[in-house]
N, C-alpha and C. Protein backbone atom coordinates (compact mmCIF):
# COMPACT_ATOMS: atom_id res chain seq x y z
N UNK A 1 171.46 83.99 113.80
CA UNK A 1 170.03 83.72 113.62
C UNK A 1 169.46 84.74 112.56
N UNK A 2 168.77 84.23 111.57
CA UNK A 2 168.26 85.04 110.50
C UNK A 2 167.07 85.89 110.97
N UNK A 3 167.12 87.17 110.66
CA UNK A 3 166.03 88.04 111.08
C UNK A 3 164.83 88.00 110.06
N UNK A 4 163.64 88.08 110.63
CA UNK A 4 162.43 88.07 109.81
C UNK A 4 161.59 89.28 110.11
N UNK A 5 161.07 89.94 109.08
CA UNK A 5 160.22 91.07 109.27
C UNK A 5 158.82 90.73 108.68
N UNK A 6 157.78 91.00 109.46
CA UNK A 6 156.39 90.73 109.05
C UNK A 6 155.65 92.03 109.01
N UNK A 7 155.03 92.36 107.83
CA UNK A 7 154.29 93.57 107.65
C UNK A 7 152.81 93.33 107.97
N UNK A 8 152.25 94.19 108.79
CA UNK A 8 150.86 94.08 109.19
C UNK A 8 150.20 95.50 109.17
N UNK A 9 148.92 95.51 109.14
CA UNK A 9 148.17 96.82 109.26
C UNK A 9 147.37 96.79 110.53
N UNK A 10 147.06 97.99 111.04
CA UNK A 10 146.27 98.09 112.26
C UNK A 10 144.83 97.71 111.95
N UNK A 11 144.08 97.57 113.05
CA UNK A 11 142.63 97.34 112.92
C UNK A 11 142.25 95.89 112.87
N UNK A 12 141.23 95.62 112.07
CA UNK A 12 140.62 94.27 112.11
C UNK A 12 141.63 93.16 111.74
N UNK A 13 142.44 93.45 110.70
CA UNK A 13 143.38 92.40 110.26
C UNK A 13 144.38 92.07 111.40
N UNK A 14 144.87 93.10 112.06
CA UNK A 14 145.82 92.83 113.16
C UNK A 14 145.15 92.08 114.30
N UNK A 15 143.93 92.50 114.65
CA UNK A 15 143.24 91.86 115.74
C UNK A 15 142.98 90.38 115.42
N UNK A 16 142.60 90.11 114.15
CA UNK A 16 142.33 88.70 113.75
C UNK A 16 143.58 87.91 113.60
N UNK A 17 144.72 88.62 113.31
CA UNK A 17 145.97 87.92 113.11
C UNK A 17 146.68 87.57 114.46
N UNK A 18 146.43 88.38 115.49
CA UNK A 18 147.12 88.17 116.75
C UNK A 18 147.02 86.75 117.29
N UNK A 19 145.84 86.11 117.27
CA UNK A 19 145.80 84.72 117.77
C UNK A 19 146.69 83.76 116.94
N UNK A 20 146.72 84.02 115.60
CA UNK A 20 147.53 83.16 114.75
C UNK A 20 149.03 83.41 115.04
N UNK A 21 149.41 84.65 115.20
CA UNK A 21 150.79 84.92 115.60
C UNK A 21 151.16 84.25 116.93
N UNK A 22 150.21 84.38 117.85
CA UNK A 22 150.48 83.74 119.18
C UNK A 22 150.66 82.24 119.06
N UNK A 23 149.80 81.62 118.20
CA UNK A 23 149.90 80.17 117.97
C UNK A 23 151.23 79.84 117.30
N UNK A 24 151.78 80.81 116.55
CA UNK A 24 153.08 80.59 115.91
C UNK A 24 154.23 80.94 116.87
N UNK A 25 153.89 81.32 118.10
CA UNK A 25 154.87 81.66 119.09
C UNK A 25 155.44 83.07 118.97
N UNK A 26 154.67 83.94 118.30
CA UNK A 26 155.12 85.34 118.09
C UNK A 26 154.13 86.28 118.77
N UNK A 27 154.63 87.13 119.68
CA UNK A 27 153.82 88.09 120.40
C UNK A 27 154.46 89.46 120.37
N UNK A 28 153.71 90.44 119.91
CA UNK A 28 154.25 91.82 119.91
C UNK A 28 154.45 92.34 121.35
N UNK A 29 155.53 93.05 121.57
CA UNK A 29 155.80 93.58 122.90
C UNK A 29 155.07 94.89 123.16
N UNK A 30 154.53 95.49 122.07
CA UNK A 30 153.75 96.72 122.18
C UNK A 30 152.43 96.55 121.45
N UNK A 31 151.43 97.24 121.94
CA UNK A 31 150.11 97.21 121.29
C UNK A 31 150.10 98.25 120.15
N UNK A 32 149.95 97.81 118.90
CA UNK A 32 150.03 98.80 117.81
C UNK A 32 148.93 99.80 117.80
N UNK A 33 147.81 99.54 118.49
CA UNK A 33 146.70 100.48 118.58
C UNK A 33 146.99 101.65 119.50
N UNK A 34 147.93 101.43 120.44
CA UNK A 34 148.21 102.47 121.45
C UNK A 34 149.61 103.00 121.31
N UNK A 35 150.54 102.23 120.73
CA UNK A 35 151.90 102.65 120.57
C UNK A 35 152.06 103.47 119.28
N UNK A 36 152.96 104.44 119.35
CA UNK A 36 153.28 105.24 118.14
C UNK A 36 154.40 104.59 117.34
N UNK A 37 154.94 103.52 117.81
CA UNK A 37 156.03 102.82 117.12
C UNK A 37 155.47 102.15 115.86
N UNK A 38 156.29 102.25 114.77
CA UNK A 38 155.92 101.61 113.54
C UNK A 38 156.71 100.27 113.32
N UNK A 39 157.74 100.11 114.15
CA UNK A 39 158.49 98.85 114.18
C UNK A 39 158.35 98.30 115.58
N UNK A 40 157.76 97.10 115.66
CA UNK A 40 157.47 96.53 116.96
C UNK A 40 158.34 95.25 117.18
N UNK A 41 159.04 95.25 118.29
CA UNK A 41 159.75 94.05 118.64
C UNK A 41 158.77 92.97 119.15
N UNK A 42 159.20 91.74 119.12
CA UNK A 42 158.38 90.61 119.55
C UNK A 42 159.13 89.81 120.62
N UNK A 43 158.49 88.85 121.16
CA UNK A 43 159.13 87.99 122.15
C UNK A 43 160.22 87.10 121.54
N UNK A 44 160.28 87.10 120.22
CA UNK A 44 161.32 86.32 119.51
C UNK A 44 162.35 87.33 118.95
N UNK A 45 163.58 87.16 119.36
CA UNK A 45 164.60 88.15 119.07
C UNK A 45 164.85 88.35 117.57
N UNK A 46 164.53 87.34 116.79
CA UNK A 46 164.79 87.45 115.34
C UNK A 46 163.53 87.85 114.52
N UNK A 47 162.43 88.13 115.20
CA UNK A 47 161.20 88.50 114.46
C UNK A 47 160.69 89.86 114.89
N UNK A 48 160.48 90.72 113.96
CA UNK A 48 159.91 92.04 114.21
C UNK A 48 158.73 92.27 113.36
N UNK A 49 157.81 93.13 113.77
CA UNK A 49 156.60 93.50 113.05
C UNK A 49 156.73 94.90 112.57
N UNK A 50 156.32 95.26 111.38
CA UNK A 50 156.23 96.65 110.96
C UNK A 50 154.77 96.96 110.66
N UNK A 51 154.32 98.12 111.10
CA UNK A 51 152.93 98.51 110.96
C UNK A 51 152.78 99.52 109.81
N UNK A 52 152.08 99.13 108.77
CA UNK A 52 151.94 99.92 107.56
C UNK A 52 150.44 100.02 107.18
N UNK A 53 150.15 100.91 106.29
CA UNK A 53 148.81 100.98 105.78
C UNK A 53 148.47 99.71 105.04
N UNK A 54 147.19 99.26 105.17
CA UNK A 54 146.82 97.99 104.57
C UNK A 54 147.12 97.86 103.10
N UNK A 55 146.91 98.93 102.35
CA UNK A 55 147.18 98.93 100.92
C UNK A 55 148.65 98.89 100.57
N UNK A 56 149.52 99.15 101.55
CA UNK A 56 150.95 99.20 101.33
C UNK A 56 151.63 97.84 101.67
N UNK A 57 150.93 96.95 102.34
CA UNK A 57 151.53 95.72 102.78
C UNK A 57 152.19 94.92 101.59
N UNK A 58 151.47 94.75 100.45
CA UNK A 58 152.10 93.98 99.36
C UNK A 58 153.32 94.68 98.80
N UNK A 59 153.37 95.99 98.82
CA UNK A 59 154.51 96.70 98.27
C UNK A 59 155.77 96.49 99.18
N UNK A 60 155.58 96.52 100.48
CA UNK A 60 156.71 96.31 101.39
C UNK A 60 157.25 94.88 101.20
N UNK A 61 156.36 93.93 101.01
CA UNK A 61 156.81 92.55 100.88
C UNK A 61 157.42 92.34 99.45
N UNK A 62 156.78 92.95 98.44
CA UNK A 62 157.33 92.79 97.09
C UNK A 62 158.76 93.25 96.95
N UNK A 63 159.08 94.40 97.59
CA UNK A 63 160.41 94.98 97.46
C UNK A 63 161.37 94.54 98.55
N UNK A 64 160.93 93.60 99.42
CA UNK A 64 161.86 93.01 100.40
C UNK A 64 162.03 93.79 101.69
N UNK A 65 161.29 94.89 101.83
CA UNK A 65 161.38 95.63 103.10
C UNK A 65 160.76 94.77 104.24
N UNK A 66 159.90 93.87 103.86
CA UNK A 66 159.35 92.87 104.78
C UNK A 66 159.46 91.52 104.07
N UNK A 67 159.68 90.49 104.87
CA UNK A 67 159.79 89.14 104.34
C UNK A 67 158.39 88.50 104.17
N UNK A 68 157.54 88.76 105.09
CA UNK A 68 156.20 88.24 105.05
C UNK A 68 155.20 89.37 105.33
N UNK A 69 153.95 89.13 105.02
CA UNK A 69 152.89 90.13 105.34
C UNK A 69 151.58 89.44 105.36
N UNK A 70 150.58 90.20 105.80
CA UNK A 70 149.24 89.69 105.78
C UNK A 70 148.36 90.79 105.12
N UNK A 71 147.67 90.40 104.06
CA UNK A 71 146.92 91.41 103.29
C UNK A 71 145.60 90.75 102.79
N UNK A 72 144.60 91.55 102.67
CA UNK A 72 143.33 91.11 102.15
C UNK A 72 143.41 90.79 100.65
N UNK A 73 142.53 89.87 100.21
CA UNK A 73 142.50 89.50 98.83
C UNK A 73 142.18 90.72 97.98
N UNK A 74 141.35 91.63 98.51
CA UNK A 74 140.99 92.84 97.80
C UNK A 74 142.22 93.70 97.49
N UNK A 75 143.10 93.83 98.49
CA UNK A 75 144.33 94.63 98.32
C UNK A 75 145.25 93.93 97.31
N UNK A 76 145.36 92.61 97.39
CA UNK A 76 146.26 91.87 96.52
C UNK A 76 145.81 91.95 95.03
N UNK A 77 144.48 91.91 94.82
CA UNK A 77 143.97 92.02 93.46
C UNK A 77 144.33 93.39 92.88
N UNK A 78 144.22 94.42 93.65
CA UNK A 78 144.50 95.74 93.15
C UNK A 78 146.02 95.94 92.94
N UNK A 79 146.81 95.29 93.77
CA UNK A 79 148.30 95.36 93.69
C UNK A 79 148.81 94.58 92.47
N UNK A 80 148.19 93.47 92.22
CA UNK A 80 148.61 92.62 91.11
C UNK A 80 149.40 91.39 91.52
N UNK A 81 149.96 91.41 92.72
CA UNK A 81 150.67 90.24 93.27
C UNK A 81 152.09 89.97 92.74
N UNK A 82 152.66 90.95 91.99
CA UNK A 82 154.00 90.73 91.46
C UNK A 82 155.05 90.52 92.53
N UNK A 83 155.89 89.47 92.36
CA UNK A 83 156.95 89.19 93.31
C UNK A 83 156.52 88.58 94.61
N UNK A 84 155.24 88.12 94.72
CA UNK A 84 154.71 87.63 95.96
C UNK A 84 154.31 86.18 95.81
N UNK A 85 154.63 85.39 96.86
CA UNK A 85 154.18 84.05 96.99
C UNK A 85 152.97 84.11 97.97
N UNK A 86 151.87 83.51 97.61
CA UNK A 86 150.66 83.57 98.44
C UNK A 86 150.25 82.13 98.84
N UNK A 87 150.94 81.59 99.84
CA UNK A 87 150.72 80.17 100.12
C UNK A 87 149.55 79.82 100.98
N UNK A 88 148.92 80.84 101.60
CA UNK A 88 147.96 80.46 102.65
C UNK A 88 146.84 81.48 102.78
N UNK A 89 145.57 80.98 102.66
CA UNK A 89 144.39 81.79 103.00
C UNK A 89 144.19 81.66 104.48
N UNK A 90 144.26 82.74 105.24
CA UNK A 90 144.17 82.68 106.69
C UNK A 90 142.71 82.63 107.19
N UNK A 91 141.80 82.78 106.28
CA UNK A 91 140.37 82.72 106.64
C UNK A 91 139.98 83.72 107.74
N UNK A 92 140.61 84.91 107.69
CA UNK A 92 140.26 85.96 108.68
C UNK A 92 139.87 87.19 107.91
N UNK A 93 139.28 88.19 108.67
CA UNK A 93 138.79 89.43 108.11
C UNK A 93 137.90 89.16 106.87
N UNK A 94 136.96 88.22 107.04
CA UNK A 94 136.12 87.83 105.96
C UNK A 94 135.06 88.88 105.67
N UNK A 95 134.80 89.08 104.39
CA UNK A 95 133.68 89.95 103.91
C UNK A 95 133.44 89.61 102.46
N UNK A 96 132.60 90.49 101.82
CA UNK A 96 132.34 90.22 100.42
C UNK A 96 132.55 91.51 99.62
N UNK A 97 133.05 91.34 98.40
CA UNK A 97 133.10 92.47 97.47
C UNK A 97 131.78 92.47 96.76
N UNK A 98 131.09 93.63 96.86
CA UNK A 98 129.72 93.71 96.34
C UNK A 98 129.53 94.95 95.47
N UNK A 99 128.57 94.84 94.56
CA UNK A 99 128.01 96.00 93.91
C UNK A 99 126.81 96.42 94.72
N UNK A 100 126.70 97.63 95.07
CA UNK A 100 125.55 98.16 95.82
C UNK A 100 125.01 99.42 95.16
N UNK A 101 123.69 99.59 95.29
CA UNK A 101 123.01 100.71 94.62
C UNK A 101 121.92 101.22 95.50
N UNK A 102 121.37 102.43 95.21
CA UNK A 102 120.25 102.92 95.99
C UNK A 102 119.07 101.97 95.96
N UNK A 103 118.29 101.95 97.01
CA UNK A 103 117.19 101.02 97.13
C UNK A 103 116.15 101.22 96.00
N UNK A 104 116.05 102.45 95.50
CA UNK A 104 115.06 102.67 94.41
C UNK A 104 115.64 102.63 93.02
N UNK A 105 116.87 102.13 92.91
CA UNK A 105 117.49 102.02 91.58
C UNK A 105 117.40 100.56 91.07
N UNK A 106 116.79 100.40 89.87
CA UNK A 106 116.65 99.06 89.32
C UNK A 106 117.92 98.65 88.58
N UNK A 107 118.86 98.15 89.30
CA UNK A 107 120.18 97.82 88.76
C UNK A 107 120.10 96.75 87.68
N UNK A 108 119.37 95.67 87.95
CA UNK A 108 119.26 94.57 86.99
C UNK A 108 118.65 95.07 85.67
N UNK A 109 117.66 95.89 85.74
CA UNK A 109 117.05 96.40 84.50
C UNK A 109 118.01 97.28 83.75
N UNK A 110 118.76 98.12 84.45
CA UNK A 110 119.72 98.97 83.83
C UNK A 110 120.79 98.16 83.07
N UNK A 111 121.25 97.04 83.71
CA UNK A 111 122.24 96.18 83.07
C UNK A 111 121.61 95.53 81.85
N UNK A 112 120.42 95.00 81.95
CA UNK A 112 119.79 94.32 80.83
C UNK A 112 119.60 95.25 79.63
N UNK A 113 119.29 96.51 79.89
CA UNK A 113 119.05 97.47 78.83
C UNK A 113 120.36 98.03 78.26
N UNK A 114 121.50 97.62 78.82
CA UNK A 114 122.77 98.11 78.28
C UNK A 114 123.14 99.51 78.68
N UNK A 115 122.59 100.00 79.74
CA UNK A 115 122.90 101.34 80.23
C UNK A 115 124.38 101.45 80.58
N UNK A 116 124.94 102.63 80.39
CA UNK A 116 126.32 102.93 80.78
C UNK A 116 126.23 103.45 82.22
N UNK A 117 126.85 102.75 83.13
CA UNK A 117 126.73 103.07 84.55
C UNK A 117 127.96 103.74 85.07
N UNK A 118 127.73 104.68 86.00
CA UNK A 118 128.83 105.31 86.70
C UNK A 118 129.06 104.55 88.03
N UNK A 119 130.24 104.04 88.27
CA UNK A 119 130.50 103.21 89.43
C UNK A 119 131.59 103.88 90.24
N UNK A 120 131.35 104.13 91.52
CA UNK A 120 132.36 104.70 92.41
C UNK A 120 132.99 103.55 93.25
N UNK A 121 134.29 103.56 93.32
CA UNK A 121 134.98 102.52 94.06
C UNK A 121 136.47 102.89 94.23
N UNK A 122 137.10 102.26 95.22
CA UNK A 122 138.55 102.37 95.35
C UNK A 122 139.22 101.09 94.74
N UNK A 123 138.35 100.13 94.40
CA UNK A 123 138.86 98.88 93.82
C UNK A 123 138.64 98.92 92.29
N UNK A 124 139.37 99.83 91.66
CA UNK A 124 139.18 100.10 90.24
C UNK A 124 139.52 98.90 89.37
N UNK A 125 140.58 98.24 89.66
CA UNK A 125 141.03 97.10 88.84
C UNK A 125 140.02 95.99 88.95
N UNK A 126 139.63 95.66 90.15
CA UNK A 126 138.63 94.59 90.36
C UNK A 126 137.29 94.89 89.70
N UNK A 127 136.84 96.16 89.85
CA UNK A 127 135.56 96.57 89.26
C UNK A 127 135.69 96.51 87.72
N UNK A 128 136.79 97.00 87.17
CA UNK A 128 136.94 96.98 85.70
C UNK A 128 136.87 95.54 85.16
N UNK A 129 137.54 94.65 85.79
CA UNK A 129 137.52 93.25 85.32
C UNK A 129 136.14 92.62 85.46
N UNK A 130 135.48 92.96 86.56
CA UNK A 130 134.12 92.34 86.80
C UNK A 130 133.16 92.80 85.71
N UNK A 131 133.06 94.08 85.49
CA UNK A 131 132.11 94.58 84.53
C UNK A 131 132.49 94.26 83.10
N UNK A 132 133.78 94.19 82.84
CA UNK A 132 134.20 93.82 81.46
C UNK A 132 133.81 92.35 81.17
N UNK A 133 133.92 91.50 82.16
CA UNK A 133 133.52 90.07 81.97
C UNK A 133 132.05 89.92 81.73
N UNK A 134 131.25 90.88 82.28
CA UNK A 134 129.79 90.83 82.10
C UNK A 134 129.35 91.59 80.84
N UNK A 135 130.29 92.30 80.21
CA UNK A 135 129.91 93.11 79.07
C UNK A 135 129.14 94.35 79.41
N UNK A 136 129.29 94.83 80.64
CA UNK A 136 128.60 95.99 81.11
C UNK A 136 129.54 97.22 80.93
N UNK A 137 128.99 98.29 80.30
CA UNK A 137 129.78 99.49 80.09
C UNK A 137 129.69 100.41 81.29
N UNK A 138 130.86 100.77 81.82
CA UNK A 138 130.90 101.59 83.07
C UNK A 138 131.92 102.71 82.95
N UNK A 139 131.66 103.75 83.65
CA UNK A 139 132.67 104.78 83.90
C UNK A 139 133.01 104.64 85.39
N UNK A 140 134.32 104.43 85.64
CA UNK A 140 134.78 104.15 87.03
C UNK A 140 135.28 105.46 87.65
N UNK A 141 134.77 105.75 88.82
CA UNK A 141 135.17 106.95 89.56
C UNK A 141 135.91 106.48 90.83
N UNK A 142 137.18 106.84 90.94
CA UNK A 142 137.99 106.36 92.04
C UNK A 142 137.78 107.27 93.31
N UNK A 143 137.34 106.64 94.38
CA UNK A 143 137.22 107.31 95.66
C UNK A 143 138.04 106.57 96.69
N UNK A 144 138.39 107.20 97.80
CA UNK A 144 139.18 106.60 98.83
C UNK A 144 138.38 106.35 100.12
N UNK A 145 137.16 106.80 100.20
CA UNK A 145 136.39 106.58 101.43
C UNK A 145 134.99 107.12 101.25
N UNK A 146 134.16 106.88 102.24
CA UNK A 146 132.76 107.29 102.28
C UNK A 146 132.06 106.93 100.95
N UNK A 147 132.28 105.69 100.50
CA UNK A 147 131.76 105.28 99.19
C UNK A 147 130.25 105.42 99.10
N UNK A 148 129.60 105.15 100.23
CA UNK A 148 128.11 105.12 100.20
C UNK A 148 127.53 106.50 99.83
N UNK A 149 128.29 107.56 100.02
CA UNK A 149 127.80 108.93 99.72
C UNK A 149 127.62 109.13 98.23
N UNK A 150 128.44 108.46 97.42
CA UNK A 150 128.46 108.82 95.95
C UNK A 150 127.06 108.67 95.32
N UNK A 151 126.30 107.57 95.52
CA UNK A 151 125.05 107.50 94.84
C UNK A 151 124.00 108.46 95.43
N UNK A 152 124.20 108.80 96.72
CA UNK A 152 123.23 109.69 97.42
C UNK A 152 123.28 111.10 96.86
N UNK A 153 124.41 111.52 96.36
CA UNK A 153 124.53 112.90 95.86
C UNK A 153 124.63 112.97 94.35
N UNK A 154 124.41 111.84 93.68
CA UNK A 154 124.37 111.80 92.26
C UNK A 154 125.68 111.64 91.56
N UNK A 155 126.77 111.37 92.32
CA UNK A 155 128.06 111.23 91.72
C UNK A 155 128.16 109.90 90.96
N UNK A 156 127.45 108.86 91.43
CA UNK A 156 127.53 107.55 90.78
C UNK A 156 126.14 106.88 90.84
N UNK A 157 125.99 105.89 89.95
CA UNK A 157 124.75 105.07 89.99
C UNK A 157 124.84 104.01 91.03
N UNK A 158 126.06 103.49 91.23
CA UNK A 158 126.30 102.35 92.13
C UNK A 158 127.73 102.40 92.62
N UNK A 159 128.03 101.53 93.57
CA UNK A 159 129.38 101.47 94.11
C UNK A 159 129.86 100.01 94.11
N UNK A 160 131.17 99.85 94.15
CA UNK A 160 131.73 98.57 94.39
C UNK A 160 132.57 98.69 95.66
N UNK A 161 132.24 97.89 96.65
CA UNK A 161 132.93 98.07 97.98
C UNK A 161 132.81 96.78 98.78
N UNK A 162 133.60 96.70 99.83
CA UNK A 162 133.54 95.57 100.74
C UNK A 162 132.33 95.68 101.63
N UNK A 163 131.62 94.59 101.84
CA UNK A 163 130.46 94.55 102.72
C UNK A 163 130.62 93.47 103.72
N UNK A 164 130.45 93.82 105.01
CA UNK A 164 130.51 92.84 106.08
C UNK A 164 129.10 92.51 106.55
N UNK A 165 128.58 93.32 107.42
CA UNK A 165 127.21 93.07 107.94
C UNK A 165 126.13 93.65 107.03
N UNK A 166 126.47 94.68 106.24
CA UNK A 166 125.51 95.37 105.40
C UNK A 166 124.76 96.51 106.13
N UNK A 167 125.12 96.74 107.40
CA UNK A 167 124.44 97.80 108.17
C UNK A 167 124.74 99.16 107.67
N UNK A 168 125.91 99.43 107.15
CA UNK A 168 126.26 100.76 106.59
C UNK A 168 125.45 101.03 105.36
N UNK A 169 125.31 100.00 104.50
CA UNK A 169 124.51 100.18 103.28
C UNK A 169 123.05 100.52 103.68
N UNK A 170 122.54 99.74 104.61
CA UNK A 170 121.13 99.92 105.00
C UNK A 170 120.93 101.30 105.59
N UNK A 171 121.86 101.81 106.41
CA UNK A 171 121.73 103.10 107.06
C UNK A 171 121.72 104.23 106.01
N UNK A 172 122.31 103.98 104.85
CA UNK A 172 122.38 104.98 103.80
C UNK A 172 121.42 104.66 102.62
N UNK A 173 120.48 103.81 102.88
CA UNK A 173 119.41 103.47 101.90
C UNK A 173 119.99 102.89 100.63
N UNK A 174 121.01 102.04 100.78
CA UNK A 174 121.59 101.31 99.67
C UNK A 174 121.35 99.83 99.86
N UNK A 175 121.44 99.06 98.80
CA UNK A 175 121.23 97.61 98.91
C UNK A 175 122.32 96.92 98.05
N UNK A 176 122.77 95.75 98.52
CA UNK A 176 123.71 94.94 97.72
C UNK A 176 122.90 94.31 96.55
N UNK A 177 123.39 94.51 95.34
CA UNK A 177 122.69 94.01 94.13
C UNK A 177 123.45 92.90 93.43
N UNK A 178 124.73 92.74 93.76
CA UNK A 178 125.50 91.72 93.06
C UNK A 178 126.79 91.44 93.88
N UNK A 179 127.07 90.13 94.02
CA UNK A 179 128.31 89.76 94.68
C UNK A 179 129.40 89.48 93.67
N UNK A 180 130.58 90.12 93.89
CA UNK A 180 131.66 89.92 92.99
C UNK A 180 132.55 88.77 93.45
N UNK A 181 132.87 88.74 94.75
CA UNK A 181 133.70 87.63 95.27
C UNK A 181 133.76 87.71 96.79
N UNK A 182 134.08 86.58 97.38
CA UNK A 182 134.33 86.52 98.82
C UNK A 182 135.75 86.99 99.06
N UNK A 183 135.97 87.69 100.17
CA UNK A 183 137.26 88.28 100.49
C UNK A 183 137.71 87.73 101.87
N UNK A 184 138.98 87.41 101.95
CA UNK A 184 139.62 87.09 103.23
C UNK A 184 141.11 87.50 103.15
N UNK A 185 141.79 87.37 104.20
CA UNK A 185 143.24 87.80 104.23
C UNK A 185 144.14 86.63 103.98
N UNK A 186 145.23 86.94 103.32
CA UNK A 186 146.25 85.93 102.93
C UNK A 186 147.62 86.24 103.55
N UNK A 187 148.33 85.13 103.79
CA UNK A 187 149.76 85.29 104.16
C UNK A 187 150.52 85.41 102.83
N UNK A 188 151.37 86.44 102.79
CA UNK A 188 152.20 86.62 101.56
C UNK A 188 153.66 86.63 101.93
N UNK A 189 154.49 86.17 101.03
CA UNK A 189 155.91 86.02 101.30
C UNK A 189 156.71 86.58 100.09
N UNK A 190 157.75 87.27 100.37
CA UNK A 190 158.67 87.74 99.32
C UNK A 190 159.32 86.49 98.72
N UNK A 191 159.29 86.37 97.41
CA UNK A 191 159.79 85.17 96.74
C UNK A 191 161.27 84.95 96.96
N UNK A 192 162.05 86.06 96.93
CA UNK A 192 163.46 85.93 97.13
C UNK A 192 163.78 85.53 98.58
N UNK A 193 163.02 86.14 99.51
CA UNK A 193 163.27 85.81 100.95
C UNK A 193 162.94 84.38 101.22
N UNK A 194 161.96 83.83 100.55
CA UNK A 194 161.59 82.40 100.79
C UNK A 194 162.73 81.52 100.38
N UNK A 195 163.50 81.88 99.36
CA UNK A 195 164.65 81.12 98.94
C UNK A 195 165.83 81.32 99.86
N UNK A 196 166.10 82.56 100.21
CA UNK A 196 167.31 82.89 100.96
C UNK A 196 167.17 82.64 102.46
N UNK A 197 165.91 82.73 102.94
CA UNK A 197 165.65 82.61 104.40
C UNK A 197 164.72 81.43 104.72
N UNK A 198 164.74 80.44 103.82
CA UNK A 198 163.78 79.34 104.00
C UNK A 198 163.80 78.69 105.37
N UNK A 199 165.03 78.45 105.89
CA UNK A 199 165.20 77.80 107.17
C UNK A 199 164.48 78.59 108.32
N UNK A 200 164.48 79.92 108.17
CA UNK A 200 163.82 80.73 109.21
C UNK A 200 162.32 80.95 108.94
N UNK A 201 161.99 81.02 107.66
CA UNK A 201 160.57 81.30 107.30
C UNK A 201 159.69 80.05 107.36
N UNK A 202 160.20 78.95 106.97
CA UNK A 202 159.40 77.71 106.88
C UNK A 202 158.74 77.35 108.21
N UNK A 203 159.45 77.45 109.38
CA UNK A 203 158.73 77.11 110.66
C UNK A 203 157.58 78.07 110.92
N UNK A 204 157.73 79.34 110.53
CA UNK A 204 156.65 80.32 110.73
C UNK A 204 155.48 79.96 109.82
N UNK A 205 155.79 79.63 108.55
CA UNK A 205 154.76 79.22 107.63
C UNK A 205 154.03 77.99 108.15
N UNK A 206 154.75 76.99 108.66
CA UNK A 206 154.15 75.76 109.15
C UNK A 206 153.24 76.07 110.37
N UNK A 207 153.72 76.99 111.24
CA UNK A 207 152.92 77.32 112.44
C UNK A 207 151.65 78.05 112.03
N UNK A 208 151.72 78.96 111.07
CA UNK A 208 150.54 79.61 110.53
C UNK A 208 149.54 78.61 109.96
N UNK A 209 150.05 77.70 109.18
CA UNK A 209 149.24 76.68 108.55
C UNK A 209 148.46 75.85 109.58
N UNK A 210 149.19 75.55 110.64
CA UNK A 210 148.59 74.70 111.70
C UNK A 210 147.52 75.48 112.51
N UNK A 211 147.70 76.82 112.54
CA UNK A 211 146.80 77.63 113.38
C UNK A 211 145.54 78.09 112.65
N UNK A 212 145.55 77.97 111.32
CA UNK A 212 144.43 78.50 110.53
C UNK A 212 143.23 77.63 110.73
N UNK A 213 142.12 78.30 110.97
CA UNK A 213 140.83 77.60 111.16
C UNK A 213 140.15 77.41 109.79
N UNK A 214 139.65 76.22 109.51
CA UNK A 214 139.03 76.00 108.18
C UNK A 214 137.70 76.80 108.03
């Protein structure tokens, strides 16, 4: 029996993925939120889960350390998607990639006047492409967390970040000023694995497809 490895990250994506895994007949034997194990066995002898950082999921799949994975569109855009087949939008972990700025900052006016803006984000590639397409000149400042702090202390004029409810922006006196794109999580598959392990992977892909809510 051919072994299959699926790369997942902890948190919201794993929580939202669990029902889809269950519908595909796959159930982790340990809870990743409480277990220190990074390789989790499942109720299926030939399927195991590996728990990695969300931003690393595409890399594990690209290089064949995992056959399949689940990653947000935001992560895939930054990664570039090399060596990955992306057959299925799972419609989970939905949010929006937004430009946000302080409530008292006239973003639209600054853009119209051709101002050069400082933008803080961890999504550098996505932000660069977005502003280049609009003809807006920006200096991108890469941060890895607490993005909302940057405009408050003068590090940046605005930020590019994921927004779900918008409550964090509001709590820090920021407002969403522009939507870049809708974000959700995708099933990704190593292209070589799909060819070499198709008989094992295809039933999992079919089960995921059947379980996805429109």
